[in-house]
């Protein structure tokens, strides 16, 4: 079961939130533990303080797809603040031990109306998130499997962020990458081996992503 813990400061909007009069609870989740499940009541918004979270959806035939992988500083379940979203449209699960700041829906709405600084930061975050979703859609529609995988790995390594040109990330199962990219595990295995032979990635206590992998994304 999730266990409450002491609140801590985190990146992006969490720093503002931790110093404002917002009712919140810090909850810890074990690896693979569900944070919320598709179809249940949407009654809270969470902010990731540590660990990573995957968002998945399941269709009527029982097929599961990963639609997002989130990191510290990202919100989870923010769609609940929309009047048209009484139920969770997806499932959120911890990919590794994670700590989340959980805010009841009513409290989140109150803070957005009453605290201008926090509201401004939240709107800025959502605009960036929307841009990312649009980029993901374009990627799925027009790019090859190889490019989609390269882009996914670069995003997981937070390519482009200051001080992180080549990042070692935790090993991610190829089944997870296949679901994220929208292909089969065998195709993921083929391109991961290709990237390794070309020196774009290598395994050294984790998966190291080199910035040279960007060549795959930029190459026509």
N, C-alpha and C. Protein backbone atom coordinates (compact mmCIF):
# COMPACT_ATOMS: atom_id res chain seq x y z
N UNK A 1 0.84 -1.19 0.00
CA UNK A 1 0.00 0.00 0.00
C UNK A 1 0.87 1.25 0.00
N UNK A 2 0.43 2.36 -0.63
CA UNK A 2 1.19 3.59 -0.58
C UNK A 2 1.31 4.09 0.84
N UNK A 3 2.44 4.67 1.20
CA UNK A 3 2.64 5.17 2.55
C UNK A 3 2.99 6.64 2.50
N UNK A 4 2.34 7.47 3.39
CA UNK A 4 2.64 8.89 3.39
C UNK A 4 4.00 9.15 3.97
N UNK A 5 4.64 10.23 3.52
CA UNK A 5 5.96 10.58 4.02
C UNK A 5 6.10 12.08 4.08
N UNK A 6 7.24 12.60 4.52
CA UNK A 6 7.43 14.03 4.63
C UNK A 6 7.55 14.69 3.28
N UNK A 7 7.04 15.90 3.16
CA UNK A 7 7.12 16.64 1.91
C UNK A 7 8.54 17.11 1.66
N UNK A 8 8.96 17.14 0.38
CA UNK A 8 10.28 17.62 0.00
C UNK A 8 10.13 18.53 -1.19
N UNK A 9 11.10 19.42 -1.38
CA UNK A 9 11.08 20.27 -2.57
C UNK A 9 11.53 19.47 -3.77
N UNK A 10 11.00 19.80 -4.95
CA UNK A 10 11.40 19.16 -6.19
C UNK A 10 11.50 20.23 -7.26
N UNK A 11 11.79 19.81 -8.48
CA UNK A 11 12.02 20.77 -9.55
C UNK A 11 10.72 21.34 -10.08
N UNK A 12 10.84 22.38 -10.86
CA UNK A 12 9.74 22.99 -11.58
C UNK A 12 8.60 23.40 -10.65
N UNK A 13 7.28 23.17 -10.98
CA UNK A 13 6.22 23.74 -10.17
C UNK A 13 6.21 23.28 -8.72
N UNK A 14 6.84 22.13 -8.39
CA UNK A 14 6.80 21.62 -7.03
C UNK A 14 7.42 22.57 -6.03
N UNK A 15 8.45 23.31 -6.43
CA UNK A 15 9.09 24.24 -5.51
C UNK A 15 8.10 25.31 -5.06
N UNK A 16 7.34 25.86 -6.01
CA UNK A 16 6.32 26.83 -5.67
C UNK A 16 5.24 26.19 -4.82
N UNK A 17 4.83 24.99 -5.16
CA UNK A 17 3.77 24.30 -4.45
C UNK A 17 4.17 24.00 -3.01
N UNK A 18 5.42 23.64 -2.78
CA UNK A 18 5.85 23.27 -1.44
C UNK A 18 5.88 24.46 -0.48
N UNK A 19 5.88 25.68 -1.01
CA UNK A 19 5.92 26.86 -0.16
C UNK A 19 4.58 27.59 -0.11
N UNK A 20 3.56 27.03 -0.76
CA UNK A 20 2.25 27.67 -0.78
C UNK A 20 1.29 26.92 0.14
N UNK A 21 0.20 27.56 0.45
CA UNK A 21 -0.78 26.98 1.37
C UNK A 21 -1.68 26.00 0.64
N UNK A 22 -1.10 24.91 0.20
CA UNK A 22 -1.84 23.89 -0.53
C UNK A 22 -1.83 22.61 0.28
N UNK A 23 -3.00 22.04 0.47
CA UNK A 23 -3.09 20.79 1.21
C UNK A 23 -2.59 19.65 0.32
N UNK A 24 -1.60 18.92 0.81
CA UNK A 24 -1.02 17.85 0.00
C UNK A 24 -0.46 16.76 0.90
N UNK A 25 -0.28 15.59 0.30
CA UNK A 25 0.27 14.44 1.01
C UNK A 25 1.35 13.82 0.15
N UNK A 26 2.47 13.49 0.75
CA UNK A 26 3.52 12.79 0.02
C UNK A 26 3.29 11.29 0.16
N UNK A 27 3.21 10.61 -0.97
CA UNK A 27 2.93 9.18 -0.99
C UNK A 27 4.05 8.46 -1.73
N UNK A 28 4.50 7.34 -1.18
CA UNK A 28 5.56 6.56 -1.81
C UNK A 28 4.98 5.30 -2.44
N UNK A 29 5.48 4.98 -3.63
CA UNK A 29 5.03 3.81 -4.38
C UNK A 29 6.22 2.90 -4.69
N UNK A 30 6.00 1.62 -4.60
CA UNK A 30 7.02 0.64 -4.94
C UNK A 30 7.08 0.45 -6.45
N UNK A 31 8.16 -0.12 -6.93
CA UNK A 31 8.29 -0.40 -8.37
C UNK A 31 7.12 -1.24 -8.86
N UNK A 32 6.53 -0.85 -9.98
CA UNK A 32 5.41 -1.52 -10.64
C UNK A 32 4.07 -1.30 -9.94
N UNK A 33 4.05 -0.59 -8.82
CA UNK A 33 2.79 -0.34 -8.12
C UNK A 33 1.96 0.68 -8.89
N UNK A 34 0.66 0.44 -8.97
CA UNK A 34 -0.25 1.35 -9.66
C UNK A 34 -0.56 2.57 -8.79
N UNK A 35 -0.48 3.73 -9.41
CA UNK A 35 -0.81 4.99 -8.74
C UNK A 35 -2.31 5.25 -8.87
N UNK A 36 -2.83 5.03 -10.06
CA UNK A 36 -4.28 4.98 -10.27
C UNK A 36 -4.54 4.11 -11.50
N UNK A 37 -5.80 3.70 -11.66
CA UNK A 37 -6.15 2.74 -12.70
C UNK A 37 -7.20 3.32 -13.64
N UNK A 38 -7.06 3.01 -14.91
CA UNK A 38 -8.02 3.43 -15.93
C UNK A 38 -9.44 3.05 -15.52
N UNK A 39 -10.36 4.04 -15.55
CA UNK A 39 -11.76 3.78 -15.23
C UNK A 39 -12.17 4.14 -13.82
N UNK A 40 -11.20 4.35 -12.92
CA UNK A 40 -11.57 4.73 -11.55
C UNK A 40 -11.80 6.23 -11.45
N UNK A 41 -12.39 6.65 -10.33
CA UNK A 41 -12.71 8.06 -10.14
C UNK A 41 -11.44 8.90 -10.17
N UNK A 42 -11.50 10.02 -10.91
CA UNK A 42 -10.35 10.94 -11.01
C UNK A 42 -10.54 12.02 -9.95
N UNK A 43 -9.87 11.85 -8.82
CA UNK A 43 -10.12 12.74 -7.69
C UNK A 43 -8.88 13.44 -7.15
N UNK A 44 -7.75 13.33 -7.86
CA UNK A 44 -6.53 13.98 -7.36
C UNK A 44 -5.54 14.21 -8.49
N UNK A 45 -4.62 15.14 -8.25
CA UNK A 45 -3.49 15.40 -9.15
C UNK A 45 -2.23 15.11 -8.37
N UNK A 46 -1.24 14.51 -9.01
CA UNK A 46 0.00 14.20 -8.32
C UNK A 46 1.18 14.85 -9.04
N UNK A 47 2.21 15.13 -8.28
CA UNK A 47 3.44 15.70 -8.82
C UNK A 47 4.58 14.77 -8.45
N UNK A 48 5.33 14.31 -9.44
CA UNK A 48 6.42 13.36 -9.18
C UNK A 48 7.59 14.09 -8.52
N UNK A 49 8.00 13.62 -7.37
CA UNK A 49 9.17 14.19 -6.70
C UNK A 49 10.43 13.37 -6.96
N UNK A 50 10.27 12.05 -7.05
CA UNK A 50 11.41 11.19 -7.38
C UNK A 50 10.89 9.94 -8.07
N UNK A 51 11.77 9.29 -8.83
CA UNK A 51 11.37 8.11 -9.57
C UNK A 51 10.76 8.45 -10.91
N UNK A 52 10.21 7.46 -11.59
CA UNK A 52 9.59 7.67 -12.90
C UNK A 52 8.27 6.92 -12.96
N UNK A 53 7.38 7.42 -13.80
CA UNK A 53 6.02 6.88 -13.90
C UNK A 53 5.67 6.66 -15.37
N UNK A 54 5.03 5.55 -15.66
CA UNK A 54 4.54 5.32 -17.02
C UNK A 54 3.02 5.42 -17.03
N UNK A 55 2.50 5.96 -18.15
CA UNK A 55 1.06 6.09 -18.34
C UNK A 55 0.66 5.13 -19.45
N UNK A 56 -0.29 4.25 -19.17
CA UNK A 56 -0.71 3.25 -20.15
C UNK A 56 -2.23 3.28 -20.34
N UNK A 57 -2.66 2.84 -21.51
CA UNK A 57 -4.08 2.67 -21.78
C UNK A 57 -4.31 1.26 -22.30
N UNK A 58 -5.50 0.74 -22.03
CA UNK A 58 -5.87 -0.60 -22.48
C UNK A 58 -7.16 -0.50 -23.28
N UNK A 59 -7.18 -1.11 -24.48
CA UNK A 59 -8.40 -1.06 -25.29
C UNK A 59 -9.34 -2.21 -24.91
N UNK A 60 -10.48 -2.29 -25.59
CA UNK A 60 -11.49 -3.29 -25.26
C UNK A 60 -11.00 -4.71 -25.48
N UNK A 61 -10.00 -4.86 -26.36
CA UNK A 61 -9.44 -6.18 -26.63
C UNK A 61 -8.34 -6.56 -25.64
N UNK A 62 -8.05 -5.66 -24.70
CA UNK A 62 -7.05 -5.95 -23.68
C UNK A 62 -5.63 -5.61 -24.07
N UNK A 63 -5.45 -4.95 -25.22
CA UNK A 63 -4.12 -4.55 -25.65
C UNK A 63 -3.68 -3.29 -24.93
N UNK A 64 -2.48 -3.33 -24.38
CA UNK A 64 -1.96 -2.20 -23.60
C UNK A 64 -0.92 -1.43 -24.40
N UNK A 65 -0.95 -0.10 -24.26
CA UNK A 65 0.03 0.75 -24.92
C UNK A 65 0.52 1.81 -23.95
N UNK A 66 1.81 2.10 -24.00
CA UNK A 66 2.38 3.17 -23.18
C UNK A 66 2.24 4.48 -23.95
N UNK A 67 1.64 5.48 -23.33
CA UNK A 67 1.46 6.76 -24.01
C UNK A 67 2.35 7.86 -23.44
N UNK A 68 2.97 7.62 -22.28
CA UNK A 68 3.88 8.62 -21.72
C UNK A 68 4.75 7.98 -20.66
N UNK A 69 5.96 8.52 -20.52
CA UNK A 69 6.86 8.15 -19.44
C UNK A 69 7.29 9.45 -18.78
N UNK A 70 6.97 9.60 -17.49
CA UNK A 70 7.13 10.88 -16.80
C UNK A 70 8.24 10.81 -15.76
N UNK A 71 8.77 11.98 -15.41
CA UNK A 71 9.94 12.09 -14.54
C UNK A 71 9.66 13.09 -13.43
N UNK A 72 10.60 13.26 -12.48
CA UNK A 72 10.40 14.25 -11.42
C UNK A 72 10.12 15.65 -11.97
N UNK A 73 9.11 16.30 -11.40
CA UNK A 73 8.70 17.62 -11.87
C UNK A 73 7.48 17.55 -12.77
N UNK A 74 7.11 16.34 -13.22
CA UNK A 74 5.93 16.18 -14.07
C UNK A 74 4.69 15.93 -13.21
N UNK A 75 3.55 16.43 -13.70
CA UNK A 75 2.27 16.15 -13.07
C UNK A 75 1.71 14.85 -13.61
N UNK A 76 0.93 14.17 -12.78
CA UNK A 76 0.26 12.92 -13.15
C UNK A 76 -1.22 13.07 -12.81
N UNK A 77 -2.08 12.75 -13.77
CA UNK A 77 -3.51 12.79 -13.51
C UNK A 77 -4.12 14.17 -13.54
N UNK A 78 -3.44 15.13 -14.19
CA UNK A 78 -3.92 16.51 -14.20
C UNK A 78 -5.21 16.68 -14.99
N UNK A 79 -5.59 15.70 -15.81
CA UNK A 79 -6.83 15.80 -16.58
C UNK A 79 -8.06 15.85 -15.69
N UNK A 80 -7.91 15.45 -14.43
CA UNK A 80 -9.07 15.42 -13.54
C UNK A 80 -9.63 16.81 -13.26
N UNK A 81 -8.83 17.86 -13.50
CA UNK A 81 -9.35 19.20 -13.22
C UNK A 81 -10.31 19.67 -14.30
N UNK A 82 -10.45 18.90 -15.37
CA UNK A 82 -11.43 19.20 -16.41
C UNK A 82 -12.78 18.64 -15.97
N UNK A 83 -13.83 19.44 -16.14
CA UNK A 83 -15.17 19.00 -15.75
C UNK A 83 -15.62 17.78 -16.54
N UNK A 84 -15.05 17.58 -17.72
CA UNK A 84 -15.46 16.46 -18.55
C UNK A 84 -14.69 15.18 -18.29
N UNK A 85 -13.87 15.14 -17.22
CA UNK A 85 -13.04 13.95 -16.95
C UNK A 85 -13.29 13.42 -15.54
N UNK A 86 -14.47 12.83 -15.28
CA UNK A 86 -14.76 12.30 -13.94
C UNK A 86 -14.03 11.00 -13.65
N UNK A 87 -13.59 10.31 -14.71
CA UNK A 87 -12.91 9.02 -14.55
C UNK A 87 -11.51 9.09 -15.15
N UNK A 88 -10.62 8.26 -14.64
CA UNK A 88 -9.27 8.17 -15.19
C UNK A 88 -9.34 7.55 -16.59
N UNK A 89 -8.67 8.19 -17.54
CA UNK A 89 -8.66 7.71 -18.91
C UNK A 89 -7.47 6.79 -19.17
N UNK A 90 -6.58 6.64 -18.18
CA UNK A 90 -5.39 5.82 -18.34
C UNK A 90 -4.96 5.29 -16.98
N UNK A 91 -3.97 4.43 -17.00
CA UNK A 91 -3.40 3.88 -15.76
C UNK A 91 -2.00 4.43 -15.57
N UNK A 92 -1.67 4.82 -14.35
CA UNK A 92 -0.34 5.32 -14.01
C UNK A 92 0.33 4.33 -13.07
N UNK A 93 1.57 3.93 -13.41
CA UNK A 93 2.31 2.97 -12.59
C UNK A 93 3.74 3.45 -12.38
N UNK A 94 4.30 3.13 -11.22
CA UNK A 94 5.69 3.49 -10.93
C UNK A 94 6.62 2.54 -11.67
N UNK A 95 7.56 3.10 -12.44
CA UNK A 95 8.53 2.27 -13.15
C UNK A 95 9.68 1.87 -12.23
N UNK A 96 9.82 2.61 -11.15
CA UNK A 96 10.84 2.36 -10.13
C UNK A 96 10.27 2.96 -8.85
N UNK A 97 10.87 2.71 -7.68
CA UNK A 97 10.35 3.34 -6.48
C UNK A 97 10.17 4.85 -6.68
N UNK A 98 8.99 5.35 -6.37
CA UNK A 98 8.67 6.74 -6.68
C UNK A 98 7.99 7.42 -5.50
N UNK A 99 8.22 8.73 -5.40
CA UNK A 99 7.57 9.55 -4.39
C UNK A 99 6.76 10.63 -5.09
N UNK A 100 5.48 10.71 -4.77
CA UNK A 100 4.59 11.66 -5.42
C UNK A 100 3.92 12.57 -4.39
N UNK A 101 3.73 13.81 -4.78
CA UNK A 101 2.99 14.77 -3.98
C UNK A 101 1.55 14.74 -4.48
N UNK A 102 0.63 14.28 -3.65
CA UNK A 102 -0.76 14.08 -4.06
C UNK A 102 -1.63 15.23 -3.56
N UNK A 103 -2.36 15.86 -4.49
CA UNK A 103 -3.21 17.01 -4.17
C UNK A 103 -4.65 16.66 -4.54
N UNK A 104 -5.59 16.74 -3.60
CA UNK A 104 -6.99 16.48 -3.94
C UNK A 104 -7.47 17.42 -5.05
N UNK A 105 -8.37 16.94 -5.88
CA UNK A 105 -8.87 17.71 -7.02
C UNK A 105 -9.40 19.08 -6.58
N UNK A 106 -10.23 19.12 -5.54
CA UNK A 106 -10.81 20.38 -5.09
C UNK A 106 -9.73 21.35 -4.64
N UNK A 107 -8.68 20.83 -3.99
CA UNK A 107 -7.59 21.68 -3.51
C UNK A 107 -6.78 22.22 -4.68
N UNK A 108 -6.58 21.39 -5.70
CA UNK A 108 -5.85 21.83 -6.89
C UNK A 108 -6.61 22.95 -7.59
N UNK A 109 -7.92 22.82 -7.73
CA UNK A 109 -8.72 23.86 -8.35
C UNK A 109 -8.67 25.15 -7.54
N UNK A 110 -8.73 25.01 -6.22
CA UNK A 110 -8.67 26.20 -5.36
C UNK A 110 -7.34 26.92 -5.53
N UNK A 111 -6.24 26.15 -5.54
CA UNK A 111 -4.91 26.75 -5.67
C UNK A 111 -4.74 27.45 -7.01
N UNK A 112 -5.29 26.86 -8.07
CA UNK A 112 -5.17 27.47 -9.39
C UNK A 112 -5.93 28.78 -9.49
N UNK A 113 -7.02 28.90 -8.73
CA UNK A 113 -7.79 30.14 -8.73
C UNK A 113 -7.22 31.18 -7.76
N UNK A 114 -6.63 30.72 -6.67
CA UNK A 114 -6.22 31.64 -5.60
C UNK A 114 -4.75 32.04 -5.65
N UNK A 115 -3.91 31.22 -6.25
CA UNK A 115 -2.47 31.47 -6.21
C UNK A 115 -1.94 31.70 -7.63
N UNK A 116 -1.80 32.96 -7.98
CA UNK A 116 -1.45 33.33 -9.35
C UNK A 116 -0.10 32.77 -9.79
N UNK A 117 0.91 32.84 -8.94
CA UNK A 117 2.24 32.35 -9.32
C UNK A 117 2.20 30.87 -9.66
N UNK A 118 1.54 30.11 -8.81
CA UNK A 118 1.45 28.68 -9.07
C UNK A 118 0.64 28.41 -10.33
N UNK A 119 -0.46 29.13 -10.51
CA UNK A 119 -1.29 28.96 -11.70
C UNK A 119 -0.50 29.26 -12.97
N UNK A 120 0.31 30.33 -12.94
CA UNK A 120 1.13 30.68 -14.10
C UNK A 120 2.11 29.57 -14.43
N UNK A 121 2.74 29.00 -13.40
CA UNK A 121 3.70 27.92 -13.63
C UNK A 121 3.01 26.67 -14.16
N UNK A 122 1.82 26.39 -13.64
CA UNK A 122 1.09 25.20 -14.08
C UNK A 122 0.66 25.36 -15.54
N UNK A 123 0.19 26.53 -15.91
CA UNK A 123 -0.21 26.77 -17.31
C UNK A 123 1.00 26.63 -18.23
N UNK A 124 2.14 27.18 -17.82
CA UNK A 124 3.36 27.05 -18.62
C UNK A 124 3.75 25.60 -18.80
N UNK A 125 3.63 24.83 -17.71
CA UNK A 125 3.95 23.40 -17.78
C UNK A 125 3.02 22.70 -18.76
N UNK A 126 1.71 22.99 -18.69
CA UNK A 126 0.75 22.31 -19.54
C UNK A 126 0.95 22.67 -21.01
N UNK A 127 1.37 23.89 -21.30
CA UNK A 127 1.65 24.27 -22.68
C UNK A 127 2.82 23.48 -23.23
N UNK A 128 3.87 23.30 -22.40
CA UNK A 128 5.02 22.50 -22.83
C UNK A 128 4.61 21.04 -23.01
N UNK A 129 3.77 20.54 -22.13
CA UNK A 129 3.30 19.16 -22.21
C UNK A 129 2.49 18.96 -23.49
N UNK A 130 1.65 19.94 -23.83
CA UNK A 130 0.85 19.85 -25.04
C UNK A 130 1.74 19.81 -26.29
N UNK A 131 2.79 20.63 -26.28
CA UNK A 131 3.73 20.64 -27.40
C UNK A 131 4.39 19.28 -27.55
N UNK A 132 4.74 18.67 -26.42
CA UNK A 132 5.36 17.34 -26.44
C UNK A 132 4.39 16.31 -27.03
N UNK A 133 3.12 16.37 -26.64
CA UNK A 133 2.13 15.43 -27.15
C UNK A 133 1.98 15.58 -28.67
N UNK A 134 1.95 16.82 -29.14
CA UNK A 134 1.85 17.06 -30.58
C UNK A 134 3.07 16.51 -31.32
N UNK A 135 4.25 16.69 -30.72
CA UNK A 135 5.47 16.16 -31.33
C UNK A 135 5.45 14.64 -31.38
N UNK A 136 4.92 14.03 -30.32
CA UNK A 136 4.80 12.57 -30.28
C UNK A 136 3.88 12.07 -31.39
N UNK A 137 2.78 12.79 -31.61
CA UNK A 137 1.84 12.39 -32.65
C UNK A 137 2.49 12.47 -34.03
N UNK A 138 3.18 13.56 -34.29
CA UNK A 138 3.89 13.70 -35.57
C UNK A 138 4.92 12.59 -35.74
N UNK A 139 5.62 12.28 -34.65
CA UNK A 139 6.62 11.22 -34.68
C UNK A 139 6.00 9.89 -35.08
N UNK A 140 4.85 9.55 -34.49
CA UNK A 140 4.18 8.28 -34.79
C UNK A 140 3.66 8.24 -36.22
N UNK A 141 3.20 9.38 -36.71
CA UNK A 141 2.59 9.41 -38.04
C UNK A 141 3.60 9.38 -39.18
N UNK A 142 4.74 10.02 -38.99
CA UNK A 142 5.63 10.25 -40.13
C UNK A 142 7.01 9.62 -40.02
N UNK A 143 7.46 9.25 -38.84
CA UNK A 143 8.82 8.75 -38.70
C UNK A 143 8.90 7.23 -38.70
N UNK A 144 10.05 6.72 -39.11
CA UNK A 144 10.29 5.28 -39.12
C UNK A 144 10.47 4.77 -37.69
N UNK A 145 10.41 3.45 -37.55
CA UNK A 145 10.62 2.83 -36.24
C UNK A 145 11.98 3.23 -35.66
N UNK A 146 13.01 3.23 -36.52
CA UNK A 146 14.35 3.57 -36.08
C UNK A 146 14.40 4.99 -35.50
N UNK A 147 13.78 5.95 -36.19
CA UNK A 147 13.78 7.33 -35.72
C UNK A 147 12.95 7.47 -34.43
N UNK A 148 11.83 6.76 -34.37
CA UNK A 148 10.98 6.85 -33.19
C UNK A 148 11.71 6.31 -31.96
N UNK A 149 12.45 5.22 -32.14
CA UNK A 149 13.20 4.66 -31.03
C UNK A 149 14.32 5.61 -30.59
N UNK A 150 15.04 6.16 -31.57
CA UNK A 150 16.13 7.10 -31.26
C UNK A 150 15.58 8.30 -30.50
N UNK A 151 14.46 8.85 -30.94
CA UNK A 151 13.86 10.00 -30.28
C UNK A 151 13.42 9.64 -28.86
N UNK A 152 12.82 8.46 -28.69
CA UNK A 152 12.38 8.03 -27.36
C UNK A 152 13.56 7.92 -26.40
N UNK A 153 14.67 7.35 -26.87
CA UNK A 153 15.85 7.20 -26.02
C UNK A 153 16.44 8.56 -25.64
N UNK A 154 16.48 9.47 -26.60
CA UNK A 154 17.00 10.82 -26.32
C UNK A 154 16.12 11.55 -25.31
N UNK A 155 14.81 11.38 -25.42
CA UNK A 155 13.90 12.01 -24.47
C UNK A 155 14.07 11.41 -23.08
N UNK A 156 14.24 10.09 -23.01
CA UNK A 156 14.44 9.44 -21.73
C UNK A 156 15.74 9.91 -21.07
N UNK A 157 16.74 10.20 -21.89
CA UNK A 157 18.02 10.69 -21.40
C UNK A 157 18.01 12.20 -21.18
N UNK A 158 16.85 12.82 -21.42
CA UNK A 158 16.69 14.26 -21.25
C UNK A 158 17.71 15.03 -22.08
N UNK A 159 17.89 14.59 -23.32
CA UNK A 159 18.82 15.26 -24.22
C UNK A 159 18.44 16.73 -24.38
N UNK A 160 19.43 17.59 -24.35
CA UNK A 160 19.21 19.02 -24.52
C UNK A 160 19.18 19.79 -23.23
N UNK A 161 19.04 19.07 -22.09
CA UNK A 161 19.05 19.77 -20.81
C UNK A 161 20.49 20.07 -20.42
N UNK A 162 20.70 21.23 -19.84
CA UNK A 162 22.04 21.67 -19.48
C UNK A 162 22.73 20.66 -18.57
N UNK A 163 23.97 20.34 -18.91
CA UNK A 163 24.76 19.45 -18.06
C UNK A 163 24.49 17.98 -18.26
N UNK A 164 23.64 17.63 -19.26
CA UNK A 164 23.32 16.22 -19.43
C UNK A 164 23.45 15.80 -20.90
N UNK A 165 24.63 15.96 -21.50
CA UNK A 165 24.77 15.61 -22.91
C UNK A 165 24.78 14.10 -23.16
N UNK A 166 25.27 13.33 -22.21
CA UNK A 166 25.32 11.88 -22.34
C UNK A 166 24.95 11.28 -21.00
N UNK A 167 23.76 10.72 -20.92
CA UNK A 167 23.21 10.30 -19.64
C UNK A 167 23.07 8.79 -19.55
N UNK A 168 23.41 8.25 -18.40
CA UNK A 168 23.16 6.84 -18.13
C UNK A 168 21.80 6.73 -17.48
N UNK A 169 20.91 5.96 -18.08
CA UNK A 169 19.58 5.77 -17.52
C UNK A 169 19.42 4.31 -17.12
N UNK A 170 18.44 4.05 -16.27
CA UNK A 170 18.18 2.67 -15.84
C UNK A 170 17.77 1.83 -17.05
N UNK A 171 18.18 0.58 -17.03
CA UNK A 171 17.82 -0.32 -18.13
C UNK A 171 16.30 -0.41 -18.24
N UNK A 172 15.79 -0.27 -19.44
CA UNK A 172 14.35 -0.33 -19.69
C UNK A 172 14.06 -1.59 -20.49
N UNK A 173 13.12 -2.42 -20.05
CA UNK A 173 12.81 -3.65 -20.80
C UNK A 173 12.45 -3.33 -22.24
N UNK A 174 12.88 -4.19 -23.16
CA UNK A 174 12.59 -3.94 -24.57
C UNK A 174 11.09 -4.00 -24.86
N UNK A 175 10.36 -4.77 -24.06
CA UNK A 175 8.90 -4.80 -24.21
C UNK A 175 8.31 -3.42 -23.94
N UNK A 176 8.87 -2.71 -22.94
CA UNK A 176 8.40 -1.37 -22.61
C UNK A 176 8.70 -0.40 -23.74
N UNK A 177 9.92 -0.48 -24.28
CA UNK A 177 10.29 0.38 -25.39
C UNK A 177 9.42 0.09 -26.61
N UNK A 178 9.11 -1.17 -26.84
CA UNK A 178 8.27 -1.54 -27.98
C UNK A 178 6.89 -0.92 -27.87
N UNK A 179 6.33 -0.96 -26.65
CA UNK A 179 5.01 -0.36 -26.44
C UNK A 179 5.06 1.15 -26.59
N UNK A 180 6.13 1.75 -26.11
CA UNK A 180 6.27 3.21 -26.20
C UNK A 180 6.43 3.67 -27.64
N UNK A 181 7.20 2.94 -28.41
CA UNK A 181 7.50 3.32 -29.79
C UNK A 181 6.40 2.87 -30.75
N UNK A 182 5.68 1.81 -30.39
CA UNK A 182 4.63 1.30 -31.25
C UNK A 182 5.13 0.30 -32.27
N UNK A 183 5.88 -0.69 -31.79
CA UNK A 183 6.42 -1.71 -32.69
C UNK A 183 6.58 -3.01 -31.91
N UNK A 184 7.32 -3.97 -32.48
CA UNK A 184 7.51 -5.25 -31.81
C UNK A 184 8.84 -5.28 -31.05
N UNK A 185 8.95 -6.22 -30.12
CA UNK A 185 10.18 -6.35 -29.35
C UNK A 185 11.35 -6.72 -30.27
N UNK A 186 11.09 -7.54 -31.27
CA UNK A 186 12.17 -7.96 -32.18
C UNK A 186 12.75 -6.77 -32.94
N UNK A 187 11.89 -5.82 -33.33
CA UNK A 187 12.37 -4.63 -34.03
C UNK A 187 13.20 -3.75 -33.09
N UNK A 188 12.74 -3.64 -31.84
CA UNK A 188 13.50 -2.88 -30.85
C UNK A 188 14.87 -3.51 -30.65
N UNK A 189 14.91 -4.83 -30.52
CA UNK A 189 16.17 -5.54 -30.32
C UNK A 189 17.11 -5.30 -31.50
N UNK A 190 16.57 -5.33 -32.72
CA UNK A 190 17.37 -5.12 -33.92
C UNK A 190 18.03 -3.73 -33.91
N UNK A 191 17.22 -2.69 -33.63
CA UNK A 191 17.76 -1.34 -33.68
C UNK A 191 18.63 -1.01 -32.47
N UNK A 192 18.35 -1.60 -31.31
CA UNK A 192 19.22 -1.38 -30.16
C UNK A 192 20.60 -1.96 -30.42
N UNK A 193 20.66 -3.13 -31.04
CA UNK A 193 21.95 -3.72 -31.40
C UNK A 193 22.66 -2.86 -32.45
N UNK A 194 21.90 -2.33 -33.39
CA UNK A 194 22.47 -1.46 -34.41
C UNK A 194 23.05 -0.19 -33.78
N UNK A 195 22.30 0.44 -32.87
CA UNK A 195 22.77 1.65 -32.19
C UNK A 195 24.03 1.36 -31.37
N UNK A 196 24.07 0.18 -30.74
CA UNK A 196 25.24 -0.17 -29.94
C UNK A 196 26.47 -0.35 -30.82
N UNK A 197 26.32 -1.05 -31.95
CA UNK A 197 27.45 -1.28 -32.85
C UNK A 197 27.97 0.02 -33.45
N UNK A 198 27.06 1.01 -33.63
CA UNK A 198 27.46 2.30 -34.19
C UNK A 198 27.99 3.26 -33.14
N UNK A 199 27.99 2.82 -31.86
CA UNK A 199 28.53 3.64 -30.79
C UNK A 199 27.59 4.70 -30.26
N UNK A 200 26.30 4.63 -30.64
CA UNK A 200 25.34 5.61 -30.16
C UNK A 200 24.90 5.33 -28.73
N UNK A 201 24.91 4.07 -28.34
CA UNK A 201 24.56 3.67 -26.98
C UNK A 201 25.53 2.60 -26.53
N UNK A 202 25.65 2.43 -25.23
CA UNK A 202 26.33 1.25 -24.72
C UNK A 202 25.89 0.99 -23.29
N UNK A 203 26.13 -0.23 -22.84
CA UNK A 203 25.68 -0.66 -21.53
C UNK A 203 26.87 -0.65 -20.57
N UNK A 204 26.70 0.09 -19.47
CA UNK A 204 27.77 0.20 -18.47
C UNK A 204 27.13 0.52 -17.12
N UNK A 205 26.57 -0.53 -16.49
CA UNK A 205 25.84 -0.32 -15.25
C UNK A 205 24.51 0.37 -15.49
N UNK A 206 24.05 0.36 -16.70
CA UNK A 206 22.84 1.04 -17.13
C UNK A 206 22.94 1.25 -18.62
N UNK A 207 22.04 1.99 -19.17
CA UNK A 207 22.04 2.28 -20.60
C UNK A 207 22.54 3.70 -20.82
N UNK A 208 23.69 3.85 -21.46
CA UNK A 208 24.25 5.17 -21.72
C UNK A 208 23.87 5.63 -23.12
N UNK A 209 23.23 6.79 -23.17
CA UNK A 209 22.77 7.37 -24.43
C UNK A 209 23.71 8.50 -24.82
N UNK A 210 24.36 8.37 -25.97
CA UNK A 210 25.26 9.40 -26.44
C UNK A 210 24.50 10.41 -27.30
N UNK A 211 24.91 11.66 -27.24
CA UNK A 211 24.25 12.70 -28.01
C UNK A 211 24.36 12.45 -29.52
N UNK A 212 25.33 11.62 -29.93
CA UNK A 212 25.49 11.29 -31.35
C UNK A 212 24.26 10.56 -31.90
N UNK A 213 23.42 10.01 -31.01
CA UNK A 213 22.20 9.33 -31.45
C UNK A 213 21.27 10.31 -32.17
N UNK A 214 21.46 11.59 -31.93
CA UNK A 214 20.65 12.61 -32.60
C UNK A 214 20.80 12.52 -34.12
N UNK A 215 21.92 11.99 -34.59
CA UNK A 215 22.14 11.84 -36.03
C UNK A 215 21.06 10.99 -36.68
N UNK A 216 20.55 10.00 -35.93
CA UNK A 216 19.50 9.11 -36.46
C UNK A 216 18.21 9.91 -36.66
N UNK A 217 17.91 10.79 -35.71
CA UNK A 217 16.69 11.58 -35.77
C UNK A 217 16.74 12.61 -36.90
N UNK A 218 17.93 13.21 -37.10
CA UNK A 218 18.08 14.27 -38.09
C UNK A 218 18.29 13.75 -39.50
N UNK A 219 18.72 12.50 -39.61
CA UNK A 219 19.04 11.95 -40.94
C UNK A 219 17.78 11.63 -41.72
N UNK A 220 17.71 12.04 -42.97
CA UNK A 220 16.55 11.76 -43.84
C UNK A 220 16.72 10.40 -44.53
